Amino acid sequence: MNYVKMIGQWDEDLATNLNAGLEHRVLAWARLRLERTGHAHFDKGELLRVLEVVNPRTGELSPVNARTLDRTVNALVDQGLLLPASGRRCLRPVGCEQGARNAPVTECKQPRATANEVTG
């Protein structure tokens, strides 16, 4: 298995591992969805749904809470791992923001979600 395939498989496993920390899972999803422009796009509410967590009261799987995801993305921005423009609809890993060779950095076309956004 080559290195790129191995890293991709590792990210897939990490992104869906309920025992992994939410920050690690968010970064794994960012790498899995990363486009050449440095953007990792998600449909409205999609990132909330793919980041399932175990409800401690019921033991059932449910989407991550929107505010928890917002705090996690903000923490990753504060740690210098995601660019400040990152949000629920588009994650921007640091170091991946340059576009194609000699191309300017592009602004994200996805609107930045807020904690008040309906996630359905």
PDB file of N, CA and C in Angstrom:
ATOM      1  N   MET A   1       0.856  -1.176   0.000  1.00  0.00           N
ATOM      2  CA  MET A   1       0.000   0.000   0.000  1.00  0.00           C
ATOM      3  C   MET A   1       0.902   1.240   0.000  1.00  0.00           C
ATOM      4  N   ASN A   2       0.594   2.182  -0.870  1.00  0.00           N
ATOM      5  CA  ASN A   2       1.428   3.384  -0.892  1.00  0.00           C
ATOM      6  C   ASN A   2       1.021   4.341   0.234  1.00  0.00           C
ATOM      7  N   TYR A   3       1.887   5.320   0.459  1.00  0.00           N
ATOM      8  CA  TYR A   3       1.720   6.241   1.586  1.00  0.00           C
ATOM      9  C   TYR A   3       0.400   7.005   1.521  1.00  0.00           C
ATOM     10  N   VAL A   4       0.047   7.519   0.332  1.00  0.00           N
ATOM     11  CA  VAL A   4      -1.182   8.306   0.195  1.00  0.00           C
ATOM     12  C   VAL A   4      -2.403   7.456   0.525  1.00  0.00           C
ATOM     13  N   LYS A   5      -2.445   6.232   0.030  1.00  0.00           N
ATOM     14  CA  LYS A   5      -3.575   5.351   0.337  1.00  0.00           C
ATOM     15  C   LYS A   5      -3.617   5.016   1.822  1.00  0.00           C
ATOM     16  N   MET A   6      -2.450   4.798   2.405  1.00  0.00           N
ATOM     17  CA  MET A   6      -2.389   4.457   3.822  1.00  0.00           C
ATOM     18  C   MET A   6      -2.920   5.608   4.676  1.00  0.00           C
ATOM     19  N   ILE A   7      -2.508   6.840   4.367  1.00  0.00           N
ATOM     20  CA  ILE A   7      -2.987   8.004   5.119  1.00  0.00           C
ATOM     21  C   ILE A   7      -4.489   8.176   4.930  1.00  0.00           C
ATOM     22  N   GLY A   8      -4.981   7.995   3.696  1.00  0.00           N
ATOM     23  CA  GLY A   8      -6.416   8.099   3.438  1.00  0.00           C
ATOM     24  C   GLY A   8      -7.210   7.094   4.245  1.00  0.00           C
ATOM     25  N   GLN A   9      -6.724   5.853   4.316  1.00  0.00           N
ATOM     26  CA  GLN A   9      -7.410   4.822   5.093  1.00  0.00           C
ATOM     27  C   GLN A   9      -7.363   5.161   6.580  1.00  0.00           C
ATOM     28  N   TRP A  10      -6.226   5.676   7.028  1.00  0.00           N
ATOM     29  CA  TRP A  10      -6.094   6.056   8.432  1.00  0.00           C
ATOM     30  C   TRP A  10      -7.090   7.159   8.771  1.00  0.00           C
ATOM     31  N   ASP A  11      -7.220   8.150   7.882  1.00  0.00           N
ATOM     32  CA  ASP A  11      -8.175   9.237   8.118  1.00  0.00           C
ATOM     33  C   ASP A  11      -9.608   8.722   8.126  1.00  0.00           C
ATOM     34  N   GLU A  12      -9.934   7.792   7.224  1.00  0.00           N
ATOM     35  CA  GLU A  12     -11.289   7.222   7.214  1.00  0.00           C
ATOM     36  C   GLU A  12     -11.583   6.526   8.537  1.00  0.00           C
ATOM     37  N   ASP A  13     -10.617   5.743   9.007  1.00  0.00           N
ATOM     38  CA  ASP A  13     -10.805   5.039  10.278  1.00  0.00           C
ATOM     39  C   ASP A  13     -10.934   6.024  11.442  1.00  0.00           C
ATOM     40  N   LEU A  14     -10.099   7.047  11.446  1.00  0.00           N
ATOM     41  CA  LEU A  14     -10.121   8.033  12.525  1.00  0.00           C
ATOM     42  C   LEU A  14     -11.408   8.853  12.507  1.00  0.00           C
ATOM     43  N   ALA A  15     -11.857   9.249  11.332  1.00  0.00           N
ATOM     44  CA  ALA A  15     -13.046  10.098  11.207  1.00  0.00           C
ATOM     45  C   ALA A  15     -14.289   9.435  11.794  1.00  0.00           C
ATOM     46  N   THR A  16     -14.347   8.118  11.722  1.00  0.00           N
ATOM     47  CA  THR A  16     -15.537   7.399  12.182  1.00  0.00           C
ATOM     48  C   THR A  16     -15.331   6.687  13.515  1.00  0.00           C
ATOM     49  N   ASN A  17     -14.180   6.873  14.141  1.00  0.00           N
ATOM     50  CA  ASN A  17     -13.873   6.208  15.403  1.00  0.00           C
ATOM     51  C   ASN A  17     -14.494   6.988  16.560  1.00  0.00           C
ATOM     52  N   LEU A  18     -15.507   6.408  17.173  1.00  0.00           N
ATOM     53  CA  LEU A  18     -16.213   7.089  18.265  1.00  0.00           C
ATOM     54  C   LEU A  18     -15.351   7.260  19.508  1.00  0.00           C
ATOM     55  N   ASN A  19     -14.263   6.507  19.601  1.00  0.00           N
ATOM     56  CA  ASN A  19     -13.366   6.630  20.752  1.00  0.00           C
ATOM     57  C   ASN A  19     -12.319   7.721  20.567  1.00  0.00           C
ATOM     58  N   ALA A  20     -12.187   8.233  19.355  1.00  0.00           N
ATOM     59  CA  ALA A  20     -11.213   9.301  19.082  1.00  0.00           C
ATOM     60  C   ALA A  20     -11.797  10.636  19.525  1.00  0.00           C
ATOM     61  N   GLY A  21     -10.949  11.552  19.880  1.00  0.00           N
ATOM     62  CA  GLY A  21     -11.394  12.886  20.270  1.00  0.00           C
ATOM     63  C   GLY A  21     -12.041  13.612  19.097  1.00  0.00           C
ATOM     64  N   LEU A  22     -12.985  14.479  19.406  1.00  0.00           N
ATOM     65  CA  LEU A  22     -13.718  15.198  18.366  1.00  0.00           C
ATOM     66  C   LEU A  22     -12.781  16.049  17.509  1.00  0.00           C
ATOM     67  N   GLU A  23     -11.778  16.671  18.110  1.00  0.00           N
ATOM     68  CA  GLU A  23     -10.836  17.482  17.334  1.00  0.00           C
ATOM     69  C   GLU A  23     -10.122  16.638  16.284  1.00  0.00           C
ATOM     70  N   HIS A  24      -9.695  15.441  16.672  1.00  0.00           N
ATOM     71  CA  HIS A  24      -9.016  14.553  15.722  1.00  0.00           C
ATOM     72  C   HIS A  24      -9.953  14.128  14.597  1.00  0.00           C
ATOM     73  N   ARG A  25     -11.198  13.868  14.954  1.00  0.00           N
ATOM     74  CA  ARG A  25     -12.169  13.443  13.944  1.00  0.00           C
ATOM     75  C   ARG A  25     -12.478  14.569  12.967  1.00  0.00           C
ATOM     76  N   VAL A  26     -12.605  15.801  13.463  1.00  0.00           N
ATOM     77  CA  VAL A  26     -12.860  16.952  12.582  1.00  0.00           C
ATOM     78  C   VAL A  26     -11.698  17.124  11.610  1.00  0.00           C
ATOM     79  N   LEU A  27     -10.472  17.046  12.101  1.00  0.00           N
ATOM     80  CA  LEU A  27      -9.311  17.182  11.218  1.00  0.00           C
ATOM     81  C   LEU A  27      -9.253  16.055  10.190  1.00  0.00           C
ATOM     82  N   ALA A  28      -9.622  14.849  10.596  1.00  0.00           N
ATOM     83  CA  ALA A  28      -9.636  13.725   9.652  1.00  0.00           C
ATOM     84  C   ALA A  28     -10.657  13.973   8.544  1.00  0.00           C
ATOM     85  N   TRP A  29     -11.841  14.466   8.893  1.00  0.00           N
ATOM     86  CA  TRP A  29     -12.841  14.789   7.870  1.00  0.00           C
ATOM     87  C   TRP A  29     -12.344  15.897   6.955  1.00  0.00           C
ATOM     88  N   ALA A  30     -11.643  16.868   7.524  1.00  0.00           N
ATOM     89  CA  ALA A  30     -11.097  17.955   6.701  1.00  0.00           C
ATOM     90  C   ALA A  30     -10.120  17.395   5.672  1.00  0.00           C
ATOM     91  N   ARG A  31      -9.256  16.489   6.088  1.00  0.00           N
ATOM     92  CA  ARG A  31      -8.291  15.904   5.148  1.00  0.00           C
ATOM     93  C   ARG A  31      -8.976  15.022   4.116  1.00  0.00           C
ATOM     94  N   LEU A  32     -10.005  14.291   4.538  1.00  0.00           N
ATOM     95  CA  LEU A  32     -10.713  13.416   3.596  1.00  0.00           C
ATOM     96  C   LEU A  32     -11.431  14.205   2.510  1.00  0.00           C
ATOM     97  N   ARG A  33     -11.960  15.364   2.851  1.00  0.00           N
ATOM     98  CA  ARG A  33     -12.734  16.178   1.913  1.00  0.00           C
ATOM     99  C   ARG A  33     -11.919  17.269   1.226  1.00  0.00           C
ATOM    100  N   LEU A  34     -10.659  17.381   1.554  1.00  0.00           N
ATOM    101  CA  LEU A  34      -9.840  18.489   1.074  1.00  0.00           C
ATOM    102  C   LEU A  34      -9.769  18.526  -0.450  1.00  0.00           C
ATOM    103  N   GLU A  35     -10.070  19.704  -0.988  1.00  0.00           N
ATOM    104  CA  GLU A  35      -9.967  19.928  -2.432  1.00  0.00           C
ATOM    105  C   GLU A  35      -8.647  20.624  -2.730  1.00  0.00           C
ATOM    106  N   ARG A  36      -8.290  20.696  -3.991  1.00  0.00           N
ATOM    107  CA  ARG A  36      -7.024  21.320  -4.385  1.00  0.00           C
ATOM    108  C   ARG A  36      -6.956  22.789  -3.979  1.00  0.00           C
ATOM    109  N   THR A  37      -8.086  23.402  -3.783  1.00  0.00           N
ATOM    110  CA  THR A  37      -8.129  24.817  -3.401  1.00  0.00           C
ATOM    111  C   THR A  37      -7.890  25.036  -1.911  1.00  0.00           C
ATOM    112  N   GLY A  38      -7.799  23.959  -1.138  1.00  0.00           N
ATOM    113  CA  GLY A  38      -7.606  24.086   0.302  1.00  0.00           C
ATOM    114  C   GLY A  38      -8.891  24.117   1.101  1.00  0.00           C
ATOM    115  N   HIS A  39     -10.019  23.895   0.440  1.00  0.00           N
ATOM    116  CA  HIS A  39     -11.325  23.888   1.101  1.00  0.00           C
ATOM    117  C   HIS A  39     -11.810  22.446   1.257  1.00  0.00           C
ATOM    118  N   ALA A  40     -12.475  22.160   2.350  1.00  0.00           N
ATOM    119  CA  ALA A  40     -13.145  20.881   2.568  1.00  0.00           C
ATOM    120  C   ALA A  40     -14.620  21.205   2.802  1.00  0.00           C
ATOM    121  N   HIS A  41     -15.426  21.084   1.753  1.00  0.00           N
ATOM    122  CA  HIS A  41     -16.836  21.500   1.809  1.00  0.00           C
ATOM    123  C   HIS A  41     -17.749  20.408   2.363  1.00  0.00           C
ATOM    124  N   PHE A  42     -18.796  20.856   3.028  1.00  0.00           N
ATOM    125  CA  PHE A  42     -19.833  19.974   3.562  1.00  0.00           C
ATOM    126  C   PHE A  42     -21.187  20.613   3.295  1.00  0.00           C
ATOM    127  N   ASP A  43     -22.199  19.786   3.031  1.00  0.00           N
ATOM    128  CA  ASP A  43     -23.557  20.298   2.871  1.00  0.00           C
ATOM    129  C   ASP A  43     -24.072  20.780   4.230  1.00  0.00           C
ATOM    130  N   LYS A  44     -25.144  21.542   4.194  1.00  0.00           N
ATOM    131  CA  LYS A  44     -25.739  22.075   5.420  1.00  0.00           C
ATOM    132  C   LYS A  44     -26.095  20.927   6.372  1.00  0.00           C
ATOM    133  N   GLY A  45     -25.546  20.957   7.566  1.00  0.00           N
ATOM    134  CA  GLY A  45     -25.823  19.942   8.576  1.00  0.00           C
ATOM    135  C   GLY A  45     -25.065  18.637   8.408  1.00  0.00           C
ATOM    136  N   GLU A  46     -24.340  18.488   7.301  1.00  0.00           N
ATOM    137  CA  GLU A  46     -23.664  17.216   7.029  1.00  0.00           C
ATOM    138  C   GLU A  46     -22.576  16.899   8.052  1.00  0.00           C
ATOM    139  N   LEU A  47     -21.747  17.870   8.376  1.00  0.00           N
ATOM    140  CA  LEU A  47     -20.656  17.612   9.316  1.00  0.00           C
ATOM    141  C   LEU A  47     -21.203  17.225  10.692  1.00  0.00           C
ATOM    142  N   LEU A  48     -22.316  17.809  11.075  1.00  0.00           N
ATOM    143  CA  LEU A  48     -22.958  17.430  12.343  1.00  0.00           C
ATOM    144  C   LEU A  48     -23.382  15.964  12.314  1.00  0.00           C
ATOM    145  N   ARG A  49     -23.922  15.535  11.173  1.00  0.00           N
ATOM    146  CA  ARG A  49     -24.419  14.158  11.056  1.00  0.00           C
ATOM    147  C   ARG A  49     -23.293  13.133  10.993  1.00  0.00           C
ATOM    148  N   VAL A  50     -22.218  13.438  10.267  1.00  0.00           N
ATOM    149  CA  VAL A  50     -21.144  12.444  10.130  1.00  0.00           C
ATOM    150  C   VAL A  50     -20.314  12.333  11.407  1.00  0.00           C
ATOM    151  N   LEU A  51     -20.359  13.342  12.250  1.00  0.00           N
ATOM    152  CA  LEU A  51     -19.634  13.299  13.521  1.00  0.00           C
ATOM    153  C   LEU A  51     -20.560  12.805  14.627  1.00  0.00           C
ATOM    154  N   GLU A  52     -20.993  11.576  14.513  1.00  0.00           N
ATOM    155  CA  GLU A  52     -21.879  11.005  15.519  1.00  0.00           C
ATOM    156  C   GLU A  52     -21.139  10.830  16.842  1.00  0.00           C
ATOM    157  N   VAL A  53     -21.883  10.945  17.909  1.00  0.00           N
ATOM    158  CA  VAL A  53     -21.352  10.715  19.254  1.00  0.00           C
ATOM    159  C   VAL A  53     -22.322   9.804  19.997  1.00  0.00           C
ATOM    160  N   VAL A  54     -21.834   9.154  21.029  1.00  0.00           N
ATOM    161  CA  VAL A  54     -22.683   8.299  21.854  1.00  0.00           C
ATOM    162  C   VAL A  54     -23.321   9.164  22.934  1.00  0.00           C
ATOM    163  N   ASN A  55     -24.642   9.136  22.987  1.00  0.00           N
ATOM    164  CA  ASN A  55     -25.366   9.859  24.028  1.00  0.00           C
ATOM    165  C   ASN A  55     -25.114   9.137  25.352  1.00  0.00           C
ATOM    166  N   PRO A  56     -24.513   9.811  26.339  1.00  0.00           N
ATOM    167  CA  PRO A  56     -24.179   9.131  27.595  1.00  0.00           C
ATOM    168  C   PRO A  56     -25.393   8.654  28.386  1.00  0.00           C
ATOM    169  N   ARG A  57     -26.535   9.288  28.187  1.00  0.00           N
ATOM    170  CA  ARG A  57     -27.746   8.884  28.915  1.00  0.00           C
ATOM    171  C   ARG A  57     -28.400   7.656  28.301  1.00  0.00           C
ATOM    172  N   THR A  58     -28.468   7.618  26.960  1.00  0.00           N
ATOM    173  CA  THR A  58     -29.197   6.539  26.296  1.00  0.00           C
ATOM    174  C   THR A  58     -28.292   5.481  25.686  1.00  0.00           C
ATOM    175  N   GLY A  59     -27.026   5.828  25.442  1.00  0.00           N
ATOM    176  CA  GLY A  59     -26.116   4.895  24.782  1.00  0.00           C
ATOM    177  C   GLY A  59     -26.317   4.829  23.281  1.00  0.00           C
ATOM    178  N   GLU A  60     -27.221   5.661  22.756  1.00  0.00           N
ATOM    179  CA  GLU A  60     -27.503   5.659  21.322  1.00  0.00           C
ATOM    180  C   GLU A  60     -26.617   6.666  20.598  1.00  0.00           C
ATOM    181  N   LEU A  61     -26.425   6.417  19.291  1.00  0.00           N
ATOM    182  CA  LEU A  61     -25.676   7.350  18.457  1.00  0.00           C
ATOM    183  C   LEU A  61     -26.563   8.513  18.059  1.00  0.00           C
ATOM    184  N   SER A  62     -25.994   9.698  18.086  1.00  0.00           N
ATOM    185  CA  SER A  62     -26.715  10.884  17.632  1.00  0.00           C
ATOM    186  C   SER A  62     -25.706  11.865  17.043  1.00  0.00           C
ATOM    187  N   PRO A  63     -26.187  12.782  16.187  1.00  0.00           N
ATOM    188  CA  PRO A  63     -25.274  13.785  15.628  1.00  0.00           C
ATOM    189  C   PRO A  63     -24.677  14.638  16.740  1.00  0.00           C
ATOM    190  N   VAL A  64     -23.470  15.120  16.508  1.00  0.00           N
ATOM    191  CA  VAL A  64     -22.831  15.996  17.485  1.00  0.00           C
ATOM    192  C   VAL A  64     -23.648  17.286  17.602  1.00  0.00           C
ATOM    193  N   ASN A  65     -23.666  17.858  18.774  1.00  0.00           N
ATOM    194  CA  ASN A  65     -24.357  19.119  19.030  1.00  0.00           C
ATOM    195  C   ASN A  65     -23.675  20.243  18.256  1.00  0.00           C
ATOM    196  N   ALA A  66     -24.466  21.149  17.677  1.00  0.00           N
ATOM    197  CA  ALA A  66     -23.930  22.239  16.855  1.00  0.00           C
ATOM    198  C   ALA A  66     -22.971  23.131  17.639  1.00  0.00           C
ATOM    199  N   ARG A  67     -23.307  23.450  18.850  1.00  0.00           N
ATOM    200  CA  ARG A  67     -22.421  24.319  19.646  1.00  0.00           C
ATOM    201  C   ARG A  67     -21.114  23.612  19.986  1.00  0.00           C
ATOM    202  N   THR A  68     -21.199  22.310  20.238  1.00  0.00           N
ATOM    203  CA  THR A  68     -19.984  21.541  20.506  1.00  0.00           C
ATOM    204  C   THR A  68     -19.078  21.553  19.283  1.00  0.00           C
ATOM    205  N   LEU A  69     -19.665  21.379  18.106  1.00  0.00           N
ATOM    206  CA  LEU A  69     -18.871  21.417  16.876  1.00  0.00           C
ATOM    207  C   LEU A  69     -18.259  22.799  16.670  1.00  0.00           C
ATOM    208  N   ASP A  70     -19.038  23.847  16.901  1.00  0.00           N
ATOM    209  CA  ASP A  70     -18.510  25.209  16.756  1.00  0.00           C
ATOM    210  C   ASP A  70     -17.333  25.447  17.704  1.00  0.00           C
ATOM    211  N   ARG A  71     -17.469  24.997  18.948  1.00  0.00           N
ATOM    212  CA  ARG A  71     -16.370  25.154  19.914  1.00  0.00           C
ATOM    213  C   ARG A  71     -15.140  24.360  19.478  1.00  0.00           C
ATOM    214  N   THR A  72     -15.359  23.183  18.922  1.00  0.00           N
ATOM    215  CA  THR A  72     -14.244  22.350  18.463  1.00  0.00           C
ATOM    216  C   THR A  72     -13.522  23.004  17.302  1.00  0.00           C
ATOM    217  N   VAL A  73     -14.278  23.514  16.329  1.00  0.00           N
ATOM    218  CA  VAL A  73     -13.664  24.200  15.184  1.00  0.00           C
ATOM    219  C   VAL A  73     -12.903  25.432  15.668  1.00  0.00           C
ATOM    220  N   ASN A  74     -13.492  26.202  16.574  1.00  0.00           N
ATOM    221  CA  ASN A  74     -12.811  27.386  17.115  1.00  0.00           C
ATOM    222  C   ASN A  74     -11.535  27.011  17.863  1.00  0.00           C
ATOM    223  N   ALA A  75     -11.564  25.892  18.590  1.00  0.00           N
ATOM    224  CA  ALA A  75     -10.362  25.431  19.299  1.00  0.00           C
ATOM    225  C   ALA A  75      -9.266  25.053  18.304  1.00  0.00           C
ATOM    226  N   LEU A  76      -9.652  24.412  17.200  1.00  0.00           N
ATOM    227  CA  LEU A  76      -8.672  24.046  16.173  1.00  0.00           C
ATOM    228  C   LEU A  76      -8.099  25.285  15.490  1.00  0.00           C
ATOM    229  N   VAL A  77      -8.921  26.320  15.340  1.00  0.00           N
ATOM    230  CA  VAL A  77      -8.433  27.600  14.807  1.00  0.00           C
ATOM    231  C   VAL A  77      -7.441  28.207  15.799  1.00  0.00           C
ATOM    232  N   ASP A  78      -7.805  28.222  17.083  1.00  0.00           N
ATOM    233  CA  ASP A  78      -6.926  28.780  18.116  1.00  0.00           C
ATOM    234  C   ASP A  78      -5.595  28.036  18.205  1.00  0.00           C
ATOM    235  N   GLN A  79      -5.617  26.733  17.927  1.00  0.00           N
ATOM    236  CA  GLN A  79      -4.400  25.920  17.961  1.00  0.00           C
ATOM    237  C   GLN A  79      -3.577  26.057  16.683  1.00  0.00           C
ATOM    238  N   GLY A  80      -4.108  26.797  15.708  1.00  0.00           N
ATOM    239  CA  GLY A  80      -3.377  26.997  14.464  1.00  0.00           C
ATOM    240  C   GLY A  80      -3.479  25.841  13.492  1.00  0.00           C
ATOM    241  N   LEU A  81      -4.487  24.983  13.653  1.00  0.00           N
ATOM    242  CA  LEU A  81      -4.649  23.828  12.773  1.00  0.00           C
ATOM    243  C   LEU A  81      -5.657  24.070  11.659  1.00  0.00           C
ATOM    244  N   LEU A  82      -6.607  24.979  11.894  1.00  0.00           N
ATOM    245  CA  LEU A  82      -7.567  25.385  10.870  1.00  0.00           C
ATOM    246  C   LEU A  82      -7.485  26.896  10.704  1.00  0.00           C
ATOM    247  N   LEU A  83      -7.775  27.363   9.502  1.00  0.00           N
ATOM    248  CA  LEU A  83      -7.810  28.803   9.247  1.00  0.00           C
ATOM    249  C   LEU A  83      -9.059  29.414   9.882  1.00  0.00           C
ATOM    250  N   PRO A  84      -9.012  30.696  10.249  1.00  0.00           N
ATOM    251  CA  PRO A  84     -10.156  31.354  10.885  1.00  0.00           C
ATOM    252  C   PRO A  84     -11.440  31.316  10.058  1.00  0.00           C
ATOM    253  N   ALA A  85     -11.361  31.173   8.750  1.00  0.00           N
ATOM    254  CA  ALA A  85     -12.559  31.125   7.910  1.00  0.00           C
ATOM    255  C   ALA A  85     -13.297  29.790   8.017  1.00  0.00           C
ATOM    256  N   SER A  86     -12.776  28.849   8.772  1.00  0.00           N
ATOM    257  CA  SER A  86     -13.394  27.525   8.891  1.00  0.00           C
ATOM    258  C   SER A  86     -14.709  27.596   9.649  1.00  0.00           C
ATOM    259  N   GLY A  87     -15.622  26.721   9.284  1.00  0.00           N
ATOM    260  CA  GLY A  87     -16.912  26.613   9.944  1.00  0.00           C
ATOM    261  C   GLY A  87     -17.537  25.274   9.607  1.00  0.00           C
ATOM    262  N   ARG A  88     -18.814  25.112   9.938  1.00  0.00           N
ATOM    263  CA  ARG A  88     -19.496  23.832   9.710  1.00  0.00           C
ATOM    264  C   ARG A  88     -19.623  23.454   8.244  1.00  0.00           C
ATOM    265  N   ARG A  89     -19.643  24.441   7.372  1.00  0.00           N
ATOM    266  CA  ARG A  89     -19.833  24.156   5.944  1.00  0.00           C
ATOM    267  C   ARG A  89     -18.520  24.013   5.182  1.00  0.00           C
ATOM    268  N   CYS A  90     -17.424  24.531   5.735  1.00  0.00           N
ATOM    269  CA  CYS A  90     -16.134  24.475   5.046  1.00  0.00           C
ATOM    270  C   CYS A  90     -15.001  24.519   6.064  1.00  0.00           C
ATOM    271  N   LEU A  91     -14.199  23.467   6.076  1.00  0.00           N
ATOM    272  CA  LEU A  91     -13.019  23.429   6.928  1.00  0.00           C
ATOM    273  C   LEU A  91     -11.806  23.793   6.082  1.00  0.00           C
ATOM    274  N   ARG A  92     -10.915  24.599   6.632  1.00  0.00           N
ATOM    275  CA  ARG A  92      -9.732  25.078   5.896  1.00  0.00           C
ATOM    276  C   ARG A  92      -8.470  24.740   6.685  1.00  0.00           C
ATOM    277  N   PRO A  93      -7.883  23.553   6.484  1.00  0.00           N
ATOM    278  CA  PRO A  93      -6.659  23.206   7.210  1.00  0.00           C
ATOM    279  C   PRO A  93      -5.515  24.160   6.882  1.00  0.00           C
ATOM    280  N   VAL A  94      -4.743  24.514   7.887  1.00  0.00           N
ATOM    281  CA  VAL A  94      -3.575  25.379   7.701  1.00  0.00           C
ATOM    282  C   VAL A  94      -2.551  24.631   6.852  1.00  0.00           C
ATOM    283  N   GLY A  95      -1.915  25.362   5.960  1.00  0.00           N
ATOM    284  CA  GLY A  95      -0.906  24.763   5.097  1.00  0.00           C
ATOM    285  C   GLY A  95      -1.469  24.239   3.799  1.00  0.00           C
ATOM    286  N   CYS A  96      -2.785  24.222   3.678  1.00  0.00           N
ATOM    287  CA  CYS A  96      -3.437  23.734   2.459  1.00  0.00           C
ATOM    288  C   CYS A  96      -4.158  24.860   1.740  1.00  0.00           C
ATOM    289  N   GLU A  97      -3.977  26.096   2.220  1.00  0.00           N
ATOM    290  CA  GLU A  97      -4.774  27.204   1.700  1.00  0.00           C
ATOM    291  C   GLU A  97      -4.335  27.707   0.344  1.00  0.00           C
ATOM    292  N   GLN A  98      -3.132  27.380  -0.106  1.00  0.00           N
ATOM    293  CA  GLN A  98      -2.724  27.853  -1.416  1.00  0.00           C
ATOM    294  C   GLN A  98      -3.452  27.060  -2.489  1.00  0.00           C
ATOM    295  N   GLY A  99      -3.885  27.741  -3.520  1.00  0.00           N
ATOM    296  CA  GLY A  99      -4.579  27.097  -4.622  1.00  0.00           C
ATOM    297  C   GLY A  99      -3.590  26.439  -5.555  1.00  0.00           C
ATOM    298  N   ALA A 100      -4.003  26.273  -6.771  1.00  0.00           N
ATOM    299  CA  ALA A 100      -3.119  25.698  -7.771  1.00  0.00           C
ATOM    300  C   ALA A 100      -1.911  26.612  -7.954  1.00  0.00           C
ATOM    301  N   ARG A 101      -0.907  26.117  -8.581  1.00  0.00           N
ATOM    302  CA  ARG A 101       0.340  26.873  -8.765  1.00  0.00           C
ATOM    303  C   ARG A 101       0.062  28.275  -9.311  1.00  0.00           C
ATOM    304  N   ASN A 102       0.580  29.251  -8.620  1.00  0.00           N
ATOM    305  CA  ASN A 102       0.447  30.661  -8.985  1.00  0.00           C
ATOM    306  C   ASN A 102      -0.988  31.177  -8.940  1.00  0.00           C
ATOM    307  N   ALA A 103      -1.896  30.381  -8.432  1.00  0.00           N
ATOM    308  CA  ALA A 103      -3.292  30.827  -8.348  1.00  0.00           C
ATOM    309  C   ALA A 103      -3.500  31.541  -7.014  1.00  0.00           C
ATOM    310  N   PRO A 104      -4.326  32.562  -6.994  1.00  0.00           N
ATOM    311  CA  PRO A 104      -4.584  33.253  -5.728  1.00  0.00           C
ATOM    312  C   PRO A 104      -5.395  32.367  -4.791  1.00  0.00           C
ATOM    313  N   VAL A 105      -5.279  32.634  -3.518  1.00  0.00           N
ATOM    314  CA  VAL A 105      -6.096  31.928  -2.537  1.00  0.00           C
ATOM    315  C   VAL A 105      -7.538  32.342  -2.763  1.00  0.00           C
ATOM    316  N   THR A 106      -8.438  31.375  -2.801  1.00  0.00           N
ATOM    317  CA  THR A 106      -9.838  31.680  -3.077  1.00  0.00           C
ATOM    318  C   THR A 106     -10.635  31.753  -1.783  1.00  0.00           C
ATOM    319  N   GLU A 107     -11.606  32.622  -1.779  1.00  0.00           N
ATOM    320  CA  GLU A 107     -12.527  32.699  -0.651  1.00  0.00           C
ATOM    321  C   GLU A 107     -13.535  31.567  -0.786  1.00  0.00           C
ATOM    322  N   CYS A 108     -14.055  31.129   0.320  1.00  0.00           N
ATOM    323  CA  CYS A 108     -15.001  30.026   0.309  1.00  0.00           C
ATOM    324  C   CYS A 108     -16.357  30.489  -0.209  1.00  0.00           C
ATOM    325  N   LYS A 109     -16.953  29.656  -1.047  1.00  0.00           N
ATOM    326  CA  LYS A 109     -18.277  29.968  -1.588  1.00  0.00           C
ATOM    327  C   LYS A 109     -19.391  29.509  -0.651  1.00  0.00           C
ATOM    328  N   GLN A 110     -19.036  28.678   0.330  1.00  0.00           N
ATOM    329  CA  GLN A 110     -20.029  28.191   1.278  1.00  0.00           C
ATOM    330  C   GLN A 110     -20.241  29.242   2.362  1.00  0.00           C
ATOM    331  N   PRO A 111     -21.494  29.519   2.710  1.00  0.00           N
ATOM    332  CA  PRO A 111     -21.733  30.463   3.807  1.00  0.00           C
ATOM    333  C   PRO A 111     -21.277  29.854   5.124  1.00  0.00           C
ATOM    334  N   ARG A 112     -20.774  30.672   6.005  1.00  0.00           N
ATOM    335  CA  ARG A 112     -20.335  30.181   7.310  1.00  0.00           C
ATOM    336  C   ARG A 112     -21.557  29.982   8.198  1.00  0.00           C
ATOM    337  N   ALA A 113     -21.721  28.778   8.717  1.00  0.00           N
ATOM    338  CA  ALA A 113     -22.873  28.455   9.558  1.00  0.00           C
ATOM    339  C   ALA A 113     -22.699  29.075  10.933  1.00  0.00           C
ATOM    340  N   THR A 114     -23.800  29.318  11.579  1.00  0.00           N
ATOM    341  CA  THR A 114     -23.770  29.836  12.942  1.00  0.00           C
ATOM    342  C   THR A 114     -24.489  28.859  13.856  1.00  0.00           C
ATOM    343  N   ALA A 115     -24.350  29.061  15.149  1.00  0.00           N
ATOM    344  CA  ALA A 115     -24.986  28.167  16.112  1.00  0.00           C
ATOM    345  C   ALA A 115     -26.503  28.210  15.999  1.00  0.00           C
ATOM    346  N   ASN A 116     -27.050  29.268  15.424  1.00  0.00           N
ATOM    347  CA  ASN A 116     -28.502  29.389  15.305  1.00  0.00           C
ATOM    348  C   ASN A 116     -29.046  28.762  14.026  1.00  0.00           C
ATOM    349  N   GLU A 117     -28.161  28.280  13.143  1.00  0.00           N
ATOM    350  CA  GLU A 117     -28.615  27.718  11.872  1.00  0.00           C
ATOM    351  C   GLU A 117     -29.402  26.430  12.114  1.00  0.00           C
ATOM    352  N   VAL A 118     -30.481  26.283  11.397  1.00  0.00           N
ATOM    353  CA  VAL A 118     -31.239  25.033  11.449  1.00  0.00           C
ATOM    354  C   VAL A 118     -30.428  23.995  10.693  1.00  0.00           C
ATOM    355  N   THR A 119     -30.205  22.839  11.289  1.00  0.00           N
ATOM    356  CA  THR A 119     -29.286  21.862  10.714  1.00  0.00           C
ATOM    357  C   THR A 119     -29.970  20.794   9.889  1.00  0.00           C
ATOM    358  N   GLY A 120     -31.247  20.836   9.732  1.00  0.00           N
ATOM    359  CA  GLY A 120     -31.975  19.795   9.019  1.00  0.00           C
ATOM    360  C   GLY A 120     -31.697  19.710   7.619  1.00  0.00           C
TER     361      GLY A 120
END
